[in-house]
Amino acid sequence: MGPVRRGLILALLPGAAWAQGCAEQRPGWDGAPVGVVQETVFLASSPAALVLFLGTVLALRLKSQWGALAVVLGWTAFATFLTMLAPASRKIAMAEGCVGSPALFIGTIAAICVGMIFYTAPLIKGR
């Protein structure tokens, strides 16, 4: 490989941008790759998720259909932000390894939402 091609390949590789993405997303990252379970714990302990967990508990305790609907919409907005509306720095940090896949977290909140819908659904009379 010639020096021109080698220089072109090295110029196309993101170097400082990756380091900046991890410094922005996880300032205290120790360099070890983040797994799915670690990412789930991190996302579940975020302030938005804690507020939504509180709303989930209240909607289930009060067996409120409208409360469950509001919380399901909140979880949907949170999952949409994590997947489709994520900032570019999150995608760069995922490529670097300091941010893991949110798949387990999204699957867990999807199961919680389905359970809330079934639990707060009205009983069918006549059966």
Protein backbone atom coordinates (compact mmCIF):
# COMPACT_ATOMS: atom_id res chain seq x y z
CA MET A 1 0.00 0.00 0.00
CA GLY A 2 1.39 3.34 -1.01
CA PRO A 3 1.79 6.39 1.19
CA VAL A 4 -1.02 8.26 -0.55
CA ARG A 5 -3.58 5.50 -0.04
CA ARG A 6 -2.43 4.91 3.55
CA GLY A 7 -2.72 8.63 4.33
CA LEU A 8 -6.16 8.78 2.74
CA ILE A 9 -7.40 5.81 4.80
CA LEU A 10 -5.99 7.27 8.02
CA ALA A 11 -7.53 10.65 7.26
CA LEU A 12 -10.98 9.05 6.87
CA LEU A 13 -10.86 7.22 10.21
CA PRO A 14 -12.48 9.20 13.02
CA GLY A 15 -9.98 9.79 15.77
CA ALA A 16 -10.66 12.82 17.89
CA ALA A 17 -14.39 12.68 17.16
CA TRP A 18 -14.69 9.29 18.86
CA ALA A 19 -12.86 10.44 21.95
CA GLN A 20 -15.08 13.50 22.12
CA GLY A 21 -18.23 11.34 21.82
CA CYS A 22 -17.25 9.19 24.79
CA ALA A 23 -16.18 12.21 26.82
CA GLU A 24 -19.58 13.78 26.18
CA GLN A 25 -21.74 10.68 26.75
CA ARG A 26 -19.84 8.96 29.59
CA PRO A 27 -17.27 11.27 31.20
CA GLY A 28 -16.04 8.66 33.71
CA TRP A 29 -15.64 5.80 31.22
CA ASP A 30 -12.73 3.50 32.11
CA GLY A 31 -12.15 2.08 28.61
CA ALA A 32 -13.91 -1.26 29.05
CA PRO A 33 -16.68 -1.97 26.53
CA VAL A 34 -20.19 -1.47 27.92
CA GLY A 35 -22.49 -4.48 27.67
CA VAL A 36 -26.23 -4.69 27.22
CA VAL A 37 -26.93 -5.27 30.92
CA GLN A 38 -24.73 -2.34 31.98
CA GLU A 39 -26.46 -0.09 29.47
CA THR A 40 -29.86 -1.25 30.76
CA VAL A 41 -28.89 -0.38 34.33
CA PHE A 42 -27.53 2.99 33.21
CA LEU A 43 -30.67 3.85 31.25
CA ALA A 44 -32.99 2.61 34.01
CA SER A 45 -31.27 4.88 36.52
CA SER A 46 -31.60 8.00 34.37
CA PRO A 47 -33.90 10.72 35.72
CA ALA A 48 -36.42 10.36 32.87
CA ALA A 49 -36.71 6.60 33.42
CA LEU A 50 -37.11 7.04 37.18
CA VAL A 51 -39.97 9.50 36.66
CA LEU A 52 -41.59 7.10 34.21
CA PHE A 53 -41.14 4.19 36.66
CA LEU A 54 -42.89 6.29 39.31
CA GLY A 55 -45.72 7.03 36.85
CA THR A 56 -45.96 3.32 36.06
CA VAL A 57 -46.29 2.41 39.72
CA LEU A 58 -48.94 5.10 40.27
CA ALA A 59 -50.95 4.06 37.21
CA LEU A 60 -50.86 0.42 38.30
CA ARG A 61 -51.68 1.23 41.94
CA LEU A 62 -54.65 3.38 40.96
CA LYS A 63 -55.54 1.05 38.06
CA SER A 64 -55.97 4.13 35.88
CA GLN A 65 -56.42 3.59 32.15
CA TRP A 66 -55.64 7.22 31.35
CA GLY A 67 -52.62 7.20 33.60
CA ALA A 68 -51.37 4.02 31.94
CA LEU A 69 -51.89 5.62 28.53
CA ALA A 70 -49.90 8.69 29.56
CA VAL A 71 -47.06 6.57 30.93
CA VAL A 72 -47.01 4.33 27.83
CA LEU A 73 -46.73 7.45 25.66
CA GLY A 74 -43.90 8.68 27.88
CA TRP A 75 -42.05 5.37 27.56
CA THR A 76 -42.61 5.47 23.80
CA ALA A 77 -41.14 8.96 23.57
CA PHE A 78 -38.14 7.87 25.66
CA ALA A 79 -37.52 4.79 23.51
CA THR A 80 -37.91 6.86 20.35
CA PHE A 81 -35.31 9.31 21.60
CA LEU A 82 -32.89 6.46 22.36
CA THR A 83 -33.26 4.87 18.95
CA MET A 84 -34.25 7.38 16.29
CA LEU A 85 -33.65 10.82 17.72
CA ALA A 86 -30.37 10.05 19.46
CA PRO A 87 -27.71 12.71 19.06
CA ALA A 88 -24.83 11.95 16.73
CA SER A 89 -22.46 11.81 19.70
CA ARG A 90 -24.42 8.81 21.07
CA LYS A 91 -23.95 6.96 17.79
CA ILE A 92 -20.24 7.74 17.80
CA ALA A 93 -19.98 6.60 21.42
CA MET A 94 -21.74 3.32 20.52
CA ALA A 95 -19.17 2.76 17.79
CA GLU A 96 -16.36 3.41 20.28
CA GLY A 97 -17.83 1.07 22.90
CA CYS A 98 -18.55 3.38 25.81
CA VAL A 99 -22.31 3.17 25.17
CA GLY A 100 -24.02 -0.19 24.78
CA SER A 101 -27.09 -1.29 22.88
CA PRO A 102 -30.40 -0.21 24.43
CA ALA A 103 -32.18 -3.33 23.11
CA LEU A 104 -32.70 -5.06 26.48
CA PHE A 105 -33.96 -1.85 28.09
CA ILE A 106 -36.41 -1.19 25.25
CA GLY A 107 -37.64 -4.80 25.38
CA THR A 108 -38.16 -4.51 29.13
CA ILE A 109 -40.14 -1.29 28.90
CA ALA A 110 -42.19 -2.75 26.03
CA ALA A 111 -43.13 -5.68 28.26
CA ILE A 112 -43.99 -3.29 31.10
CA CYS A 113 -46.20 -1.25 28.77
CA VAL A 114 -48.04 -4.32 27.45
CA GLY A 115 -48.57 -5.53 31.01
CA MET A 116 -49.93 -2.12 32.04
CA ILE A 117 -52.38 -2.09 29.15
CA PHE A 118 -53.70 -5.55 30.04
CA TYR A 119 -53.82 -4.82 33.77
CA THR A 120 -55.73 -1.55 33.46
CA ALA A 121 -58.10 -2.76 30.72
CA PRO A 122 -61.75 -2.83 31.74
CA LEU A 123 -63.32 -6.16 32.57
CA ILE A 124 -65.64 -7.57 29.90
CA LYS A 125 -69.02 -8.28 31.45
CA GLY A 126 -71.16 -11.16 30.25
CA ARG A 127 -68.40 -13.77 29.99
